[in-house]
PDB file of N, CA and C in Angstrom:
ATOM      1  N   MET A   1       7.669  19.626   5.151  1.00  0.00           N
ATOM      2  CA  MET A   1       7.473  19.533   6.580  1.00  0.00           C
ATOM      3  C   MET A   1       6.920  20.914   7.106  1.00  0.00           C
ATOM      4  N   THR A   2       5.851  20.805   7.863  1.00  0.00           N
ATOM      5  CA  THR A   2       5.352  22.084   8.471  1.00  0.00           C
ATOM      6  C   THR A   2       5.925  22.337   9.792  1.00  0.00           C
ATOM      7  N   LYS A   3       5.753  23.551  10.307  1.00  0.00           N
ATOM      8  CA  LYS A   3       6.363  23.917  11.578  1.00  0.00           C
ATOM      9  C   LYS A   3       5.856  23.046  12.701  1.00  0.00           C
ATOM     10  N   GLU A   4       4.594  22.603  12.705  1.00  0.00           N
ATOM     11  CA  GLU A   4       4.067  21.737  13.717  1.00  0.00           C
ATOM     12  C   GLU A   4       4.588  20.310  13.716  1.00  0.00           C
ATOM     13  N   THR A   5       5.167  19.877  12.586  1.00  0.00           N
ATOM     14  CA  THR A   5       5.596  18.540  12.413  1.00  0.00           C
ATOM     15  C   THR A   5       7.048  18.333  13.057  1.00  0.00           C
ATOM     16  N   VAL A   6       7.115  17.408  13.918  1.00  0.00           N
ATOM     17  CA  VAL A   6       8.442  17.079  14.451  1.00  0.00           C
ATOM     18  C   VAL A   6       8.976  15.878  13.703  1.00  0.00           C
ATOM     19  N   PRO A   7      10.176  16.000  13.100  1.00  0.00           N
ATOM     20  CA  PRO A   7      10.635  14.879  12.275  1.00  0.00           C
ATOM     21  C   PRO A   7      10.857  13.634  13.139  1.00  0.00           C
ATOM     22  N   LYS A   8      10.479  12.481  12.547  1.00  0.00           N
ATOM     23  CA  LYS A   8      10.619  11.174  13.148  1.00  0.00           C
ATOM     24  C   LYS A   8      11.442  10.284  12.158  1.00  0.00           C
ATOM     25  N   LEU A   9      12.136   9.331  12.765  1.00  0.00           N
ATOM     26  CA  LEU A   9      12.850   8.423  11.833  1.00  0.00           C
ATOM     27  C   LEU A   9      11.828   7.415  11.425  1.00  0.00           C
ATOM     28  N   THR A  10      11.577   7.323  10.095  1.00  0.00           N
ATOM     29  CA  THR A  10      10.596   6.343   9.612  1.00  0.00           C
ATOM     30  C   THR A  10      11.250   5.334   8.720  1.00  0.00           C
ATOM     31  N   PRO A  11      10.843   4.049   8.921  1.00  0.00           N
ATOM     32  CA  PRO A  11      11.436   3.025   8.068  1.00  0.00           C
ATOM     33  C   PRO A  11      11.167   3.273   6.598  1.00  0.00           C
ATOM     34  N   GLY A  12      12.252   3.010   5.851  1.00  0.00           N
ATOM     35  CA  GLY A  12      12.163   3.249   4.381  1.00  0.00           C
ATOM     36  C   GLY A  12      12.737   4.586   3.955  1.00  0.00           C
ATOM     37  N   SER A  13      12.970   5.514   4.916  1.00  0.00           N
ATOM     38  CA  SER A  13      13.625   6.861   4.699  1.00  0.00           C
ATOM     39  C   SER A  13      15.123   6.665   4.555  1.00  0.00           C
ATOM     40  N   ARG A  14      15.749   7.560   3.822  1.00  0.00           N
ATOM     41  CA  ARG A  14      17.168   7.532   3.723  1.00  0.00           C
ATOM     42  C   ARG A  14      17.792   8.634   4.555  1.00  0.00           C
ATOM     43  N   TYR A  15      18.876   8.229   5.234  1.00  0.00           N
ATOM     44  CA  TYR A  15      19.469   9.188   6.276  1.00  0.00           C
ATOM     45  C   TYR A  15      21.002   9.067   6.096  1.00  0.00           C
ATOM     46  N   ARG A  16      21.697  10.132   6.507  1.00  0.00           N
ATOM     47  CA  ARG A  16      23.152  10.100   6.611  1.00  0.00           C
ATOM     48  C   ARG A  16      23.354  10.307   8.190  1.00  0.00           C
ATOM     49  N   VAL A  17      23.979   9.298   8.749  1.00  0.00           N
ATOM     50  CA  VAL A  17      24.218   9.321  10.150  1.00  0.00           C
ATOM     51  C   VAL A  17      25.713   9.480  10.469  1.00  0.00           C
ATOM     52  N   MET A  18      26.044  10.410  11.244  1.00  0.00           N
ATOM     53  CA  MET A  18      27.439  10.624  11.711  1.00  0.00           C
ATOM     54  C   MET A  18      27.510  10.162  13.122  1.00  0.00           C
ATOM     55  N   SER A  19      28.376   9.237  13.359  1.00  0.00           N
ATOM     56  CA  SER A  19      28.526   8.640  14.723  1.00  0.00           C
ATOM     57  C   SER A  19      29.968   8.488  15.130  1.00  0.00           C
ATOM     58  N   MET A  20      30.206   8.349  16.380  1.00  0.00           N
ATOM     59  CA  MET A  20      31.501   8.197  16.893  1.00  0.00           C
ATOM     60  C   MET A  20      32.106   6.844  16.533  1.00  0.00           C
ATOM     61  N   MET A  21      33.306   6.846  15.956  1.00  0.00           N
ATOM     62  CA  MET A  21      33.971   5.550  15.649  1.00  0.00           C
ATOM     63  C   MET A  21      35.183   5.460  16.588  1.00  0.00           C
ATOM     64  N   THR A  22      35.984   6.481  16.584  1.00  0.00           N
ATOM     65  CA  THR A  22      37.037   6.585  17.569  1.00  0.00           C
ATOM     66  C   THR A  22      37.028   7.978  18.147  1.00  0.00           C
ATOM     67  N   ARG A  23      37.883   8.243  19.141  1.00  0.00           N
ATOM     68  CA  ARG A  23      37.853   9.462  19.772  1.00  0.00           C
ATOM     69  C   ARG A  23      38.214  10.656  18.792  1.00  0.00           C
ATOM     70  N   ASP A  24      39.018  10.394  17.783  1.00  0.00           N
ATOM     71  CA  ASP A  24      39.455  11.407  16.804  1.00  0.00           C
ATOM     72  C   ASP A  24      38.703  11.441  15.458  1.00  0.00           C
ATOM     73  N   GLU A  25      38.086  10.262  15.174  1.00  0.00           N
ATOM     74  CA  GLU A  25      37.493  10.113  13.805  1.00  0.00           C
ATOM     75  C   GLU A  25      36.003   9.609  13.901  1.00  0.00           C
ATOM     76  N   PRO A  26      35.086  10.400  13.237  1.00  0.00           N
ATOM     77  CA  PRO A  26      33.733   9.899  13.197  1.00  0.00           C
ATOM     78  C   PRO A  26      33.517   8.939  12.013  1.00  0.00           C
ATOM     79  N   LEU A  27      32.326   8.198  12.143  1.00  0.00           N
ATOM     80  CA  LEU A  27      31.956   7.269  11.073  1.00  0.00           C
ATOM     81  C   LEU A  27      30.732   7.844  10.365  1.00  0.00           C
ATOM     82  N   GLU A  28      30.725   7.958   9.033  1.00  0.00           N
ATOM     83  CA  GLU A  28      29.625   8.368   8.282  1.00  0.00           C
ATOM     84  C   GLU A  28      28.925   7.143   7.658  1.00  0.00           C
ATOM     85  N   THR A  29      27.611   7.062   7.948  1.00  0.00           N
ATOM     86  CA  THR A  29      26.790   5.973   7.348  1.00  0.00           C
ATOM     87  C   THR A  29      25.644   6.540   6.595  1.00  0.00           C
ATOM     88  N   GLU A  30      25.485   6.145   5.369  1.00  0.00           N
ATOM     89  CA  GLU A  30      24.360   6.606   4.509  1.00  0.00           C
ATOM     90  C   GLU A  30      23.610   5.382   4.104  1.00  0.00           C
ATOM     91  N   GLY A  31      22.311   5.368   4.290  1.00  0.00           N
ATOM     92  CA  GLY A  31      21.507   4.274   3.957  1.00  0.00           C
ATOM     93  C   GLY A  31      20.046   4.427   4.279  1.00  0.00           C
ATOM     94  N   THR A  32      19.292   3.322   4.134  1.00  0.00           N
ATOM     95  CA  THR A  32      17.893   3.272   4.416  1.00  0.00           C
ATOM     96  C   THR A  32      17.559   2.812   5.832  1.00  0.00           C
ATOM     97  N   PHE A  33      16.834   3.492   6.542  1.00  0.00           N
ATOM     98  CA  PHE A  33      16.486   3.221   7.929  1.00  0.00           C
ATOM     99  C   PHE A  33      15.513   2.070   7.937  1.00  0.00           C
ATOM    100  N   LYS A  34      15.877   1.029   8.736  1.00  0.00           N
ATOM    101  CA  LYS A  34      15.027  -0.195   8.815  1.00  0.00           C
ATOM    102  C   LYS A  34      14.191  -0.247  10.100  1.00  0.00           C
ATOM    103  N   GLY A  35      14.719   0.418  11.106  1.00  0.00           N
ATOM    104  CA  GLY A  35      14.057   0.383  12.428  1.00  0.00           C
ATOM    105  C   GLY A  35      15.080   0.420  13.571  1.00  0.00           C
ATOM    106  N   TYR A  36      14.553   0.023  14.689  1.00  0.00           N
ATOM    107  CA  TYR A  36      15.407   0.029  15.943  1.00  0.00           C
ATOM    108  C   TYR A  36      15.637  -1.433  16.377  1.00  0.00           C
ATOM    109  N   SER A  37      16.766  -1.622  17.104  1.00  0.00           N
ATOM    110  CA  SER A  37      17.166  -2.885  17.589  1.00  0.00           C
ATOM    111  C   SER A  37      17.766  -2.632  18.940  1.00  0.00           C
ATOM    112  N   MET A  38      18.158  -3.818  19.538  1.00  0.00           N
ATOM    113  CA  MET A  38      18.854  -3.678  20.891  1.00  0.00           C
ATOM    114  C   MET A  38      20.239  -4.360  20.689  1.00  0.00           C
ATOM    115  N   VAL A  39      21.228  -3.722  21.280  1.00  0.00           N
ATOM    116  CA  VAL A  39      22.602  -4.270  21.341  1.00  0.00           C
ATOM    117  C   VAL A  39      22.836  -4.421  22.819  1.00  0.00           C
ATOM    118  N   GLY A  40      22.658  -5.638  23.432  1.00  0.00           N
ATOM    119  CA  GLY A  40      22.702  -5.791  24.873  1.00  0.00           C
ATOM    120  C   GLY A  40      21.490  -4.959  25.444  1.00  0.00           C
ATOM    121  N   ASN A  41      21.771  -4.042  26.259  1.00  0.00           N
ATOM    122  CA  ASN A  41      20.678  -3.194  26.772  1.00  0.00           C
ATOM    123  C   ASN A  41      20.651  -1.792  26.247  1.00  0.00           C
ATOM    124  N   ILE A  42      21.304  -1.619  25.057  1.00  0.00           N
ATOM    125  CA  ILE A  42      21.427  -0.294  24.429  1.00  0.00           C
ATOM    126  C   ILE A  42      20.599  -0.295  23.164  1.00  0.00           C
ATOM    127  N   ASP A  43      19.841   0.746  22.945  1.00  0.00           N
ATOM    128  CA  ASP A  43      19.105   0.879  21.682  1.00  0.00           C
ATOM    129  C   ASP A  43      19.967   1.187  20.590  1.00  0.00           C
ATOM    130  N   ALA A  44      19.672   0.710  19.358  1.00  0.00           N
ATOM    131  CA  ALA A  44      20.532   0.999  18.189  1.00  0.00           C
ATOM    132  C   ALA A  44      19.586   1.271  16.948  1.00  0.00           C
ATOM    133  N   LEU A  45      20.192   2.059  16.038  1.00  0.00           N
ATOM    134  CA  LEU A  45      19.516   2.292  14.736  1.00  0.00           C
ATOM    135  C   LEU A  45      19.964   1.182  13.802  1.00  0.00           C
ATOM    136  N   VAL A  46      18.995   0.631  12.994  1.00  0.00           N
ATOM    137  CA  VAL A  46      19.389  -0.362  11.995  1.00  0.00           C
ATOM    138  C   VAL A  46      19.313   0.387  10.613  1.00  0.00           C
ATOM    139  N   ILE A  47      20.485   0.421   9.930  1.00  0.00           N
ATOM    140  CA  ILE A  47      20.595   1.174   8.647  1.00  0.00           C
ATOM    141  C   ILE A  47      21.023   0.120   7.655  1.00  0.00           C
ATOM    142  N   ASP A  48      20.305   0.068   6.505  1.00  0.00           N
ATOM    143  CA  ASP A  48      20.729  -0.787   5.358  1.00  0.00           C
ATOM    144  C   ASP A  48      21.693   0.050   4.468  1.00  0.00           C
ATOM    145  N   THR A  49      22.914  -0.285   4.446  1.00  0.00           N
ATOM    146  CA  THR A  49      23.894   0.505   3.651  1.00  0.00           C
ATOM    147  C   THR A  49      24.121   0.090   2.232  1.00  0.00           C
ATOM    148  N   THR A  50      23.181  -0.851   1.799  1.00  0.00           N
ATOM    149  CA  THR A  50      23.274  -1.219   0.325  1.00  0.00           C
ATOM    150  C   THR A  50      22.872   0.000  -0.444  1.00  0.00           C
ATOM    151  N   PRO A  51      23.730   0.352  -1.504  1.00  0.00           N
ATOM    152  CA  PRO A  51      23.489   1.577  -2.254  1.00  0.00           C
ATOM    153  C   PRO A  51      22.052   1.556  -2.923  1.00  0.00           C
ATOM    154  N   LYS A  52      21.361   2.645  -2.934  1.00  0.00           N
ATOM    155  CA  LYS A  52      20.051   2.754  -3.523  1.00  0.00           C
ATOM    156  C   LYS A  52      20.216   2.999  -5.000  1.00  0.00           C
ATOM    157  N   GLY A  53      19.613   2.188  -5.822  1.00  0.00           N
ATOM    158  CA  GLY A  53      19.550   2.313  -7.249  1.00  0.00           C
ATOM    159  C   GLY A  53      20.862   2.172  -7.980  1.00  0.00           C
ATOM    160  N   LYS A  54      21.911   1.767  -7.246  1.00  0.00           N
ATOM    161  CA  LYS A  54      23.211   1.574  -7.859  1.00  0.00           C
ATOM    162  C   LYS A  54      23.373   0.118  -8.108  1.00  0.00           C
ATOM    163  N   GLY A  55      23.598  -0.413  -9.205  1.00  0.00           N
ATOM    164  CA  GLY A  55      23.647  -1.896  -9.436  1.00  0.00           C
ATOM    165  C   GLY A  55      24.239  -2.646  -8.294  1.00  0.00           C
ATOM    166  N   LYS A  56      23.907  -3.942  -8.319  1.00  0.00           N
ATOM    167  CA  LYS A  56      24.325  -4.898  -7.288  1.00  0.00           C
ATOM    168  C   LYS A  56      25.801  -4.963  -7.259  1.00  0.00           C
ATOM    169  N   GLY A  57      26.345  -5.050  -6.033  1.00  0.00           N
ATOM    170  CA  GLY A  57      27.773  -5.352  -5.975  1.00  0.00           C
ATOM    171  C   GLY A  57      28.638  -4.111  -5.790  1.00  0.00           C
ATOM    172  N   LYS A  58      28.085  -2.885  -5.887  1.00  0.00           N
ATOM    173  CA  LYS A  58      28.941  -1.684  -5.763  1.00  0.00           C
ATOM    174  C   LYS A  58      29.027  -1.293  -4.351  1.00  0.00           C
ATOM    175  N   GLU A  59      30.120  -0.647  -3.978  1.00  0.00           N
ATOM    176  CA  GLU A  59      30.353  -0.171  -2.631  1.00  0.00           C
ATOM    177  C   GLU A  59      30.467   1.346  -2.668  1.00  0.00           C
ATOM    178  N   THR A  60      30.156   1.954  -1.513  1.00  0.00           N
ATOM    179  CA  THR A  60      30.280   3.466  -1.374  1.00  0.00           C
ATOM    180  C   THR A  60      30.938   3.848  -0.146  1.00  0.00           C
ATOM    181  N   GLY A  61      31.399   5.050  -0.115  1.00  0.00           N
ATOM    182  CA  GLY A  61      32.027   5.702   1.074  1.00  0.00           C
ATOM    183  C   GLY A  61      32.954   4.938   1.807  1.00  0.00           C
ATOM    184  N   LYS A  62      32.802   4.836   3.062  1.00  0.00           N
ATOM    185  CA  LYS A  62      33.727   4.107   4.002  1.00  0.00           C
ATOM    186  C   LYS A  62      33.755   2.596   3.747  1.00  0.00           C
ATOM    187  N   GLU A  63      32.802   2.042   2.996  1.00  0.00           N
ATOM    188  CA  GLU A  63      32.765   0.631   2.778  1.00  0.00           C
ATOM    189  C   GLU A  63      33.849   0.147   1.783  1.00  0.00           C
ATOM    190  N   LYS A  64      34.399   1.024   0.979  1.00  0.00           N
ATOM    191  CA  LYS A  64      35.307   0.655  -0.075  1.00  0.00           C
ATOM    192  C   LYS A  64      36.452  -0.003   0.623  1.00  0.00           C
ATOM    193  N   GLY A  65      36.831  -1.200   0.010  1.00  0.00           N
ATOM    194  CA  GLY A  65      38.017  -1.895   0.421  1.00  0.00           C
ATOM    195  C   GLY A  65      37.873  -2.654   1.738  1.00  0.00           C
ATOM    196  N   LYS A  66      36.727  -2.661   2.304  1.00  0.00           N
ATOM    197  CA  LYS A  66      36.502  -3.390   3.534  1.00  0.00           C
ATOM    198  C   LYS A  66      35.806  -4.688   3.396  1.00  0.00           C
ATOM    199  N   GLY A  67      35.969  -5.298   2.237  1.00  0.00           N
ATOM    200  CA  GLY A  67      35.422  -6.621   1.981  1.00  0.00           C
ATOM    201  C   GLY A  67      34.106  -6.564   1.316  1.00  0.00           C
ATOM    202  N   LYS A  68      33.692  -7.637   0.737  1.00  0.00           N
ATOM    203  CA  LYS A  68      32.454  -7.683   0.029  1.00  0.00           C
ATOM    204  C   LYS A  68      31.352  -8.257   0.981  1.00  0.00           C
ATOM    205  N   GLY A  69      30.075  -7.944   0.655  1.00  0.00           N
ATOM    206  CA  GLY A  69      28.991  -8.528   1.467  1.00  0.00           C
ATOM    207  C   GLY A  69      28.787  -9.904   1.065  1.00  0.00           C
ATOM    208  N   LYS A  70      27.933 -10.597   1.743  1.00  0.00           N
ATOM    209  CA  LYS A  70      27.689 -12.003   1.422  1.00  0.00           C
ATOM    210  C   LYS A  70      26.916 -11.996   0.110  1.00  0.00           C
ATOM    211  N   GLN A  71      27.246 -13.009  -0.692  1.00  0.00           N
ATOM    212  CA  GLN A  71      26.622 -13.196  -2.018  1.00  0.00           C
ATOM    213  C   GLN A  71      25.363 -13.989  -1.968  1.00  0.00           C
ATOM    214  N   ALA A  72      24.301 -13.601  -2.588  1.00  0.00           N
ATOM    215  CA  ALA A  72      23.085 -14.258  -2.604  1.00  0.00           C
ATOM    216  C   ALA A  72      23.149 -15.259  -3.732  1.00  0.00           C
ATOM    217  N   LYS A  73      22.232 -16.271  -3.727  1.00  0.00           N
ATOM    218  CA  LYS A  73      22.264 -17.246  -4.690  1.00  0.00           C
ATOM    219  C   LYS A  73      22.097 -16.738  -6.164  1.00  0.00           C
ATOM    220  N   GLY A  74      21.435 -15.526  -6.207  1.00  0.00           N
ATOM    221  CA  GLY A  74      21.164 -14.943  -7.527  1.00  0.00           C
ATOM    222  C   GLY A  74      22.401 -14.157  -8.076  1.00  0.00           C
ATOM    223  N   GLY A  75      23.403 -14.135  -7.292  1.00  0.00           N
ATOM    224  CA  GLY A  75      24.706 -13.419  -7.741  1.00  0.00           C
ATOM    225  C   GLY A  75      24.764 -11.994  -7.248  1.00  0.00           C
ATOM    226  N   GLY A  76      23.597 -11.364  -6.707  1.00  0.00           N
ATOM    227  CA  GLY A  76      23.727 -10.017  -6.230  1.00  0.00           C
ATOM    228  C   GLY A  76      23.979  -9.980  -4.752  1.00  0.00           C
ATOM    229  N   GLU A  77      24.249  -8.790  -4.205  1.00  0.00           N
ATOM    230  CA  GLU A  77      24.500  -8.664  -2.750  1.00  0.00           C
ATOM    231  C   GLU A  77      23.277  -8.632  -2.013  1.00  0.00           C
ATOM    232  N   GLU A  78      23.279  -9.288  -0.776  1.00  0.00           N
ATOM    233  CA  GLU A  78      22.195  -9.164   0.161  1.00  0.00           C
ATOM    234  C   GLU A  78      22.331  -7.769   0.825  1.00  0.00           C
ATOM    235  N   GLU A  79      21.250  -7.404   1.564  1.00  0.00           N
ATOM    236  CA  GLU A  79      21.355  -6.072   2.223  1.00  0.00           C
ATOM    237  C   GLU A  79      22.414  -6.141   3.283  1.00  0.00           C
ATOM    238  N   GLN A  80      23.112  -5.057   3.445  1.00  0.00           N
ATOM    239  CA  GLN A  80      24.162  -4.897   4.382  1.00  0.00           C
ATOM    240  C   GLN A  80      23.681  -3.970   5.526  1.00  0.00           C
ATOM    241  N   LEU A  81      23.366  -4.585   6.716  1.00  0.00           N
ATOM    242  CA  LEU A  81      22.822  -3.853   7.806  1.00  0.00           C
ATOM    243  C   LEU A  81      23.900  -3.417   8.721  1.00  0.00           C
ATOM    244  N   ARG A  82      23.798  -2.173   9.205  1.00  0.00           N
ATOM    245  CA  ARG A  82      24.714  -1.624  10.192  1.00  0.00           C
ATOM    246  C   ARG A  82      23.870  -1.196  11.446  1.00  0.00           C
ATOM    247  N   LEU A  83      24.301  -1.626  12.619  1.00  0.00           N
ATOM    248  CA  LEU A  83      23.620  -1.239  13.843  1.00  0.00           C
ATOM    249  C   LEU A  83      24.462  -0.205  14.468  1.00  0.00           C
ATOM    250  N   ILE A  84      23.858   0.960  14.770  1.00  0.00           N
ATOM    251  CA  ILE A  84      24.552   2.124  15.357  1.00  0.00           C
ATOM    252  C   ILE A  84      23.998   2.391  16.691  1.00  0.00           C
ATOM    253  N   PRO A  85      24.696   2.178  17.760  1.00  0.00           N
ATOM    254  CA  PRO A  85      24.148   2.425  19.146  1.00  0.00           C
ATOM    255  C   PRO A  85      23.702   3.952  19.216  1.00  0.00           C
ATOM    256  N   THR A  86      22.573   4.227  19.707  1.00  0.00           N
ATOM    257  CA  THR A  86      22.005   5.593  19.753  1.00  0.00           C
ATOM    258  C   THR A  86      22.889   6.522  20.483  1.00  0.00           C
ATOM    259  N   GLN A  87      23.611   6.040  21.518  1.00  0.00           N
ATOM    260  CA  GLN A  87      24.470   6.909  22.314  1.00  0.00           C
ATOM    261  C   GLN A  87      25.682   7.334  21.549  1.00  0.00           C
ATOM    262  N   MET A  88      25.952   6.702  20.343  1.00  0.00           N
ATOM    263  CA  MET A  88      27.163   7.124  19.534  1.00  0.00           C
ATOM    264  C   MET A  88      26.793   8.056  18.529  1.00  0.00           C
ATOM    265  N   VAL A  89      25.526   8.435  18.271  1.00  0.00           N
ATOM    266  CA  VAL A  89      25.127   9.295  17.185  1.00  0.00           C
ATOM    267  C   VAL A  89      25.499  10.726  17.498  1.00  0.00           C
ATOM    268  N   ILE A  90      26.142  11.404  16.552  1.00  0.00           N
ATOM    269  CA  ILE A  90      26.491  12.819  16.577  1.00  0.00           C
ATOM    270  C   ILE A  90      25.412  13.671  15.923  1.00  0.00           C
ATOM    271  N   PHE A  91      25.051  13.310  14.709  1.00  0.00           N
ATOM    272  CA  PHE A  91      23.885  13.939  14.067  1.00  0.00           C
ATOM    273  C   PHE A  91      23.335  13.092  12.986  1.00  0.00           C
ATOM    274  N   ILE A  92      22.142  13.373  12.507  1.00  0.00           N
ATOM    275  CA  ILE A  92      21.444  12.652  11.404  1.00  0.00           C
ATOM    276  C   ILE A  92      20.944  13.671  10.437  1.00  0.00           C
ATOM    277  N   GLU A  93      21.294  13.500   9.147  1.00  0.00           N
ATOM    278  CA  GLU A  93      20.809  14.288   8.071  1.00  0.00           C
ATOM    279  C   GLU A  93      19.718  13.567   7.318  1.00  0.00           C
ATOM    280  N   ILE A  94      18.590  14.208   7.062  1.00  0.00           N
ATOM    281  CA  ILE A  94      17.506  13.569   6.304  1.00  0.00           C
ATOM    282  C   ILE A  94      17.758  13.766   4.845  1.00  0.00           C
ATOM    283  N   LEU A  95      17.883  12.646   4.081  1.00  0.00           N
ATOM    284  CA  LEU A  95      18.137  12.747   2.658  1.00  0.00           C
ATOM    285  C   LEU A  95      16.889  12.549   1.934  1.00  0.00           C
ATOM    286  N   ASP A  96      16.018  11.550   2.291  1.00  0.00           N
ATOM    287  CA  ASP A  96      14.723  11.302   1.640  1.00  0.00           C
ATOM    288  C   ASP A  96      13.770  10.788   2.749  1.00  0.00           C
ATOM    289  N   GLN A  97      12.789  11.588   3.098  1.00  0.00           N
ATOM    290  CA  GLN A  97      11.829  11.289   4.181  1.00  0.00           C
ATOM    291  C   GLN A  97      10.594  10.594   3.570  1.00  0.00           C
ATOM    292  N   VAL A  98      10.230   9.478   4.055  1.00  0.00           N
ATOM    293  CA  VAL A  98       9.039   8.784   3.744  1.00  0.00           C
ATOM    294  C   VAL A  98       7.965   9.037   4.772  1.00  0.00           C
ATOM    295  N   GLU A  99       6.798   9.279   4.322  1.00  0.00           N
ATOM    296  CA  GLU A  99       5.667   9.556   5.230  1.00  0.00           C
ATOM    297  C   GLU A  99       5.488   8.359   6.142  1.00  0.00           C
ATOM    298  N   GLU A 100       5.127   8.678   7.404  1.00  0.00           N
ATOM    299  CA  GLU A 100       4.882   7.685   8.445  1.00  0.00           C
ATOM    300  C   GLU A 100       3.539   7.040   8.075  1.00  0.00           C
ATOM    301  N   LYS A 101       3.518   5.717   8.055  1.00  0.00           N
ATOM    302  CA  LYS A 101       2.326   5.018   7.799  1.00  0.00           C
ATOM    303  C   LYS A 101       1.505   4.947   9.095  1.00  0.00           C
ATOM    304  N   LYS A 102       0.213   5.429   8.959  1.00  0.00           N
ATOM    305  CA  LYS A 102      -0.659   5.415  10.140  1.00  0.00           C
ATOM    306  C   LYS A 102      -1.412   4.125  10.103  1.00  0.00           C
ATOM    307  N   GLU A 103      -1.154   3.302  11.124  1.00  0.00           N
ATOM    308  CA  GLU A 103      -1.841   2.035  11.243  1.00  0.00           C
ATOM    309  C   GLU A 103      -3.228   2.294  11.811  1.00  0.00           C
ATOM    310  N   GLU A 104      -4.189   1.571  11.204  1.00  0.00           N
ATOM    311  CA  GLU A 104      -5.545   1.699  11.653  1.00  0.00           C
ATOM    312  C   GLU A 104      -5.659   1.162  13.042  1.00  0.00           C
ATOM    313  N   GLU A 105      -6.448   1.844  13.917  1.00  0.00           N
ATOM    314  CA  GLU A 105      -6.564   1.268  15.252  1.00  0.00           C
ATOM    315  C   GLU A 105      -7.440   0.071  15.236  1.00  0.00           C
ATOM    316  N   GLU A 106      -6.918  -0.973  15.877  1.00  0.00           N
ATOM    317  CA  GLU A 106      -7.689  -2.211  15.879  1.00  0.00           C
ATOM    318  C   GLU A 106      -8.757  -2.085  16.997  1.00  0.00           C
ATOM    319  N   ALA A 107      -9.801  -2.888  16.852  1.00  0.00           N
ATOM    320  CA  ALA A 107     -10.871  -2.879  17.825  1.00  0.00           C
ATOM    321  C   ALA A 107     -10.265  -3.216  19.197  1.00  0.00           C
ATOM    322  N   SER A 108     -10.822  -2.651  20.201  1.00  0.00           N
ATOM    323  CA  SER A 108     -10.328  -2.880  21.541  1.00  0.00           C
ATOM    324  C   SER A 108     -10.383  -4.351  21.885  1.00  0.00           C
ATOM    325  N   THR A 109      -9.282  -4.861  22.441  1.00  0.00           N
ATOM    326  CA  THR A 109      -9.244  -6.216  22.828  1.00  0.00           C
ATOM    327  C   THR A 109      -9.384  -6.450  24.323  1.00  0.00           C
ATOM    328  N   SER A 110      -9.737  -5.372  25.006  1.00  0.00           N
ATOM    329  CA  SER A 110      -9.938  -5.465  26.462  1.00  0.00           C
ATOM    330  C   SER A 110     -11.319  -6.205  26.751  1.00  0.00           C
ATOM    331  N   ARG A 111     -11.259  -6.851  27.830  1.00  0.00           N
ATOM    332  CA  ARG A 111     -12.400  -7.620  28.220  1.00  0.00           C
ATOM    333  C   ARG A 111     -12.827  -7.061  29.661  1.00  0.00           C
ATOM    334  N   TYR A 112     -14.090  -7.012  29.761  1.00  0.00           N
ATOM    335  CA  TYR A 112     -14.619  -6.473  31.059  1.00  0.00           C
ATOM    336  C   TYR A 112     -15.434  -7.678  31.676  1.00  0.00           C
ATOM    337  N   TYR A 113     -15.078  -7.929  32.905  1.00  0.00           N
ATOM    338  CA  TYR A 113     -15.747  -8.973  33.718  1.00  0.00           C
ATOM    339  C   TYR A 113     -16.534  -8.308  34.846  1.00  0.00           C
ATOM    340  N   MET A 114     -17.643  -8.806  35.063  1.00  0.00           N
ATOM    341  CA  MET A 114     -18.477  -8.322  36.208  1.00  0.00           C
ATOM    342  C   MET A 114     -18.674  -9.405  37.203  1.00  0.00           C
TER     343      MET A 114
END
C-alpha cells in the first residue's frame, strides 16, 4: 500500500474485527469480508467466519463450544456469517487485503429529450 492509498474494506479480504460485546468484554471476529448490510436502520459489516483453508467442520476462536453451523447436504459446513453493527466496531486489523475490482463504466443510460 502506498502513502496515497487509503485502505478500503474490500469483499474477499480477510480481517480481524474487534467489536463491543458487553461493557467489559470485546468480541473478536476473524474472517472474510463479504460486504455491507443493514440491521434495521444501522449499517453492519458482513463477515464469513468459516475458517480459511482449514478443513470443513472446524471451529476457531470464540466459536468453540457455541454449537455447530448448519450442515450442508454434502456433509460440510455452510458459510457462517456474522453481522457486526458498524457503531460497535472498536478496530479492524487487515490480515489479507484483496485488490479492489474496478468495474468498467457502463455507457451512459441518461436520455435527453428536446
